[in-house]
Structure formats: C-alpha cells, structure tokens
Amino acid sequence: MHFTQSLKKNYQFGFVYNKGKSIANRYLVMYVIKNKKYTDSNRLGITVSKKVGKSVMRSHVTRLIKESYRLMEDELATGYDIVVIARVSANAASFHDIDKALHNLVKKHNLVKQKSE
C-alpha cells in the first residue's frame, strides 16, 4: 500500500469509531473520518473479530480486504482515517464479493477522487 499508513493503536481505532461516520453492507462496515494531520495519505485499520473464524480464516479475510484496498488506492481521495470491520458473513465471501463490497462503501462515503484532483 503505497499511499496508506496503518492504524495500530487502540486509541486511534477508538477515535474513528466514536467520531467517524459509518456505513455498512452485507460483508463489511466502514468508518471514516477526515484526518487533519495526515493530509497527503490515508490511514487504514482492519478489524476481523473472532466471530468470523479461527486465525487462518481471519488472516484470509484481512488479506482479501488489504488487496482490494491496494488495488483501488490510486482512485481514493487522501487525508482520511478509515477503519474496515469484517462481518461474520465475510468468512464465506470470495475476493470478488469483498472487492465489490469495499468499492460500494468507498462510493457511499464519497472517497473517490474527483476528476480535477
């Protein structure tokens, strides 16, 4: 992920959960908040609960989300903190399903770059 840093600390996730706007679909929930400090890049956090499955399944879902995000990263506006939460139904989803779900959430949050940018 060339233009994106990771959210790692619990307080960073908590801030996005409490102050950010959330939109959900069948497989994913996405919280987004504008970041005033990092305007030239986004910060991404991915959460996959133990309800999704054991460690191998959680790792698999995390990799699917990361890859989908990486492929669309050039199209996204910068300066946001983004947290993606995998729902339980994501454990049976294919890459195509996760990719489609992530694209849907990005469009709903208006994170796609405008043509003039």
C-alpha atoms as a PDB file:
ATOM      1  CA  MET A   1       0.000   0.000   0.000  1.00  0.00           C
ATOM      2  CA  HIS A   2       1.903   2.922  -1.379  1.00  0.00           C
ATOM      3  CA  PHE A   3      -0.128   5.905  -0.140  1.00  0.00           C
ATOM      4  CA  THR A   4      -1.521   4.432   3.058  1.00  0.00           C
ATOM      5  CA  GLN A   5      -0.285   4.037   6.616  1.00  0.00           C
ATOM      6  CA  SER A   6      -1.747   1.659   9.174  1.00  0.00           C
ATOM      7  CA  LEU A   7      -3.794   2.441  12.249  1.00  0.00           C
ATOM      8  CA  LYS A   8      -2.201   0.414  15.025  1.00  0.00           C
ATOM      9  CA  LYS A   9      -3.089   1.853  18.416  1.00  0.00           C
ATOM     10  CA  ASN A  10      -6.337   1.184  20.248  1.00  0.00           C
ATOM     11  CA  TYR A  11      -6.970   4.904  20.816  1.00  0.00           C
ATOM     12  CA  GLN A  12      -6.700   5.547  17.060  1.00  0.00           C
ATOM     13  CA  PHE A  13      -9.371   2.937  16.347  1.00  0.00           C
ATOM     14  CA  GLY A  14     -11.498   4.272  19.209  1.00  0.00           C
ATOM     15  CA  PHE A  15     -11.350   7.817  17.868  1.00  0.00           C
ATOM     16  CA  VAL A  16     -12.516   6.707  14.429  1.00  0.00           C
ATOM     17  CA  TYR A  17     -15.306   4.575  15.953  1.00  0.00           C
ATOM     18  CA  ASN A  18     -16.565   7.398  18.165  1.00  0.00           C
ATOM     19  CA  LYS A  19     -16.221  10.394  15.840  1.00  0.00           C
ATOM     20  CA  GLY A  20     -16.347   8.826  12.378  1.00  0.00           C
ATOM     21  CA  LYS A  21     -19.285   8.166  10.093  1.00  0.00           C
ATOM     22  CA  SER A  22     -20.182   4.531   9.483  1.00  0.00           C
ATOM     23  CA  ILE A  23     -21.821   2.794   6.551  1.00  0.00           C
ATOM     24  CA  ALA A  24     -22.323  -0.955   6.301  1.00  0.00           C
ATOM     25  CA  ASN A  25     -23.245  -3.594   3.777  1.00  0.00           C
ATOM     26  CA  ARG A  26     -23.517  -7.380   3.854  1.00  0.00           C
ATOM     27  CA  TYR A  27     -19.811  -8.168   4.321  1.00  0.00           C
ATOM     28  CA  LEU A  28     -18.159  -5.032   5.707  1.00  0.00           C
ATOM     29  CA  VAL A  29     -18.646  -1.979   7.909  1.00  0.00           C
ATOM     30  CA  MET A  30     -16.572   1.118   7.148  1.00  0.00           C
ATOM     31  CA  TYR A  31     -15.902   4.047   9.492  1.00  0.00           C
ATOM     32  CA  VAL A  32     -14.357   7.184   8.003  1.00  0.00           C
ATOM     33  CA  ILE A  33     -13.210  10.476   9.498  1.00  0.00           C
ATOM     34  CA  LYS A  34     -11.239  13.346   7.984  1.00  0.00           C
ATOM     35  CA  ASN A  35      -7.677  13.493   9.278  1.00  0.00           C
ATOM     36  CA  LYS A  36      -6.194  16.968   9.712  1.00  0.00           C
ATOM     37  CA  LYS A  37      -2.649  15.788  10.449  1.00  0.00           C
ATOM     38  CA  TYR A  38      -2.024  13.401   7.519  1.00  0.00           C
ATOM     39  CA  THR A  39      -3.461  15.217   4.500  1.00  0.00           C
ATOM     40  CA  ASP A  40      -1.220  13.581   1.895  1.00  0.00           C
ATOM     41  CA  SER A  41      -2.119   9.969   2.761  1.00  0.00           C
ATOM     42  CA  ASN A  42      -4.817   7.805   4.288  1.00  0.00           C
ATOM     43  CA  ARG A  43      -4.546   5.651   7.379  1.00  0.00           C
ATOM     44  CA  LEU A  44      -6.231   2.255   7.229  1.00  0.00           C
ATOM     45  CA  GLY A  45      -7.222  -0.084  10.032  1.00  0.00           C
ATOM     46  CA  ILE A  46      -8.779  -3.518   9.523  1.00  0.00           C
ATOM     47  CA  THR A  47     -10.672  -5.385  12.226  1.00  0.00           C
ATOM     48  CA  VAL A  48     -11.697  -9.024  11.929  1.00  0.00           C
ATOM     49  CA  SER A  49     -13.406 -10.453  15.012  1.00  0.00           C
ATOM     50  CA  LYS A  50     -13.011 -13.989  16.355  1.00  0.00           C
ATOM     51  CA  LYS A  51     -16.658 -14.492  15.396  1.00  0.00           C
ATOM     52  CA  VAL A  52     -15.524 -14.584  11.759  1.00  0.00           C
ATOM     53  CA  GLY A  53     -13.459 -17.720  12.348  1.00  0.00           C
ATOM     54  CA  LYS A  54     -10.191 -19.086  13.613  1.00  0.00           C
ATOM     55  CA  SER A  55      -6.881 -17.367  12.946  1.00  0.00           C
ATOM     56  CA  VAL A  56      -6.398 -18.756   9.441  1.00  0.00           C
ATOM     57  CA  MET A  57      -9.827 -17.516   8.341  1.00  0.00           C
ATOM     58  CA  ARG A  58      -9.348 -14.106   9.981  1.00  0.00           C
ATOM     59  CA  SER A  59      -5.993 -13.767   8.276  1.00  0.00           C
ATOM     60  CA  HIS A  60      -7.518 -14.730   4.937  1.00  0.00           C
ATOM     61  CA  VAL A  61     -10.295 -12.136   5.240  1.00  0.00           C
ATOM     62  CA  THR A  62      -7.752  -9.479   6.270  1.00  0.00           C
ATOM     63  CA  ARG A  63      -5.627 -10.247   3.209  1.00  0.00           C
ATOM     64  CA  LEU A  64      -8.673 -10.021   0.925  1.00  0.00           C
ATOM     65  CA  ILE A  65      -9.582  -6.601   2.330  1.00  0.00           C
ATOM     66  CA  LYS A  66      -5.984  -5.321   2.083  1.00  0.00           C
ATOM     67  CA  GLU A  67      -5.618  -6.478  -1.514  1.00  0.00           C
ATOM     68  CA  SER A  68      -8.927  -4.963  -2.546  1.00  0.00           C
ATOM     69  CA  TYR A  69      -7.942  -1.667  -0.913  1.00  0.00           C
ATOM     70  CA  ARG A  70      -4.486  -1.764  -2.521  1.00  0.00           C
ATOM     71  CA  LEU A  71      -5.959  -2.154  -5.996  1.00  0.00           C
ATOM     72  CA  MET A  72      -8.238   0.885  -5.599  1.00  0.00           C
ATOM     73  CA  GLU A  73      -5.805   3.025  -3.614  1.00  0.00           C
ATOM     74  CA  ASP A  74      -4.901   5.295  -6.558  1.00  0.00           C
ATOM     75  CA  GLU A  75      -8.576   6.220  -7.030  1.00  0.00           C
ATOM     76  CA  LEU A  76      -9.120   7.336  -3.407  1.00  0.00           C
ATOM     77  CA  ALA A  77      -9.030  10.848  -2.002  1.00  0.00           C
ATOM     78  CA  THR A  78      -6.356  11.356   0.665  1.00  0.00           C
ATOM     79  CA  GLY A  79      -6.487  12.731   4.193  1.00  0.00           C
ATOM     80  CA  TYR A  80      -8.808  10.202   5.835  1.00  0.00           C
ATOM     81  CA  ASP A  81      -8.676   7.665   8.644  1.00  0.00           C
ATOM     82  CA  ILE A  82     -10.524   4.535   7.539  1.00  0.00           C
ATOM     83  CA  VAL A  83     -11.468   1.506   9.643  1.00  0.00           C
ATOM     84  CA  VAL A  84     -12.907  -1.541   7.886  1.00  0.00           C
ATOM     85  CA  ILE A  85     -14.660  -4.165  10.005  1.00  0.00           C
ATOM     86  CA  ALA A  86     -15.372  -7.606   8.572  1.00  0.00           C
ATOM     87  CA  ARG A  87     -18.774  -9.057   9.358  1.00  0.00           C
ATOM     88  CA  VAL A  88     -19.290 -12.762  10.083  1.00  0.00           C
ATOM     89  CA  SER A  89     -20.627 -13.346   6.556  1.00  0.00           C
ATOM     90  CA  ALA A  90     -17.215 -12.300   5.159  1.00  0.00           C
ATOM     91  CA  ASN A  91     -15.749 -15.708   6.054  1.00  0.00           C
ATOM     92  CA  ALA A  92     -17.624 -17.325   3.150  1.00  0.00           C
ATOM     93  CA  ALA A  93     -17.047 -14.456   0.709  1.00  0.00           C
ATOM     94  CA  SER A  94     -14.801 -14.614  -2.334  1.00  0.00           C
ATOM     95  CA  PHE A  95     -12.344 -11.895  -3.322  1.00  0.00           C
ATOM     96  CA  HIS A  96     -14.862 -10.615  -5.858  1.00  0.00           C
ATOM     97  CA  ASP A  97     -17.521 -10.248  -3.129  1.00  0.00           C
ATOM     98  CA  ILE A  98     -15.181  -8.387  -0.769  1.00  0.00           C
ATOM     99  CA  ASP A  99     -13.893  -6.172  -3.583  1.00  0.00           C
ATOM    100  CA  LYS A 100     -17.412  -5.271  -4.658  1.00  0.00           C
ATOM    101  CA  ALA A 101     -18.448  -4.573  -1.043  1.00  0.00           C
ATOM    102  CA  LEU A 102     -15.418  -2.335  -0.421  1.00  0.00           C
ATOM    103  CA  HIS A 103     -15.984  -0.398  -3.664  1.00  0.00           C
ATOM    104  CA  ASN A 104     -19.620   0.088  -2.665  1.00  0.00           C
ATOM    105  CA  LEU A 105     -18.661   1.523   0.749  1.00  0.00           C
ATOM    106  CA  VAL A 106     -15.991   3.794  -0.727  1.00  0.00           C
ATOM    107  CA  LYS A 107     -18.535   5.266  -3.151  1.00  0.00           C
ATOM    108  CA  LYS A 108     -21.104   5.758  -0.375  1.00  0.00           C
ATOM    109  CA  HIS A 109     -18.521   7.644   1.709  1.00  0.00           C
ATOM    110  CA  ASN A 110     -17.576   9.786  -1.330  1.00  0.00           C
ATOM    111  CA  LEU A 111     -13.902   8.822  -1.075  1.00  0.00           C
ATOM    112  CA  VAL A 112     -13.375   8.509  -4.827  1.00  0.00           C
ATOM    113  CA  LYS A 113     -11.132  11.259  -6.229  1.00  0.00           C
ATOM    114  CA  GLN A 114     -12.782  13.896  -8.353  1.00  0.00           C
ATOM    115  CA  LYS A 115     -11.607  14.206 -11.954  1.00  0.00           C
ATOM    116  CA  SER A 116      -9.848  17.525 -11.251  1.00  0.00           C
ATOM    117  CA  GLU A 117      -7.635  16.102  -8.469  1.00  0.00           C
END
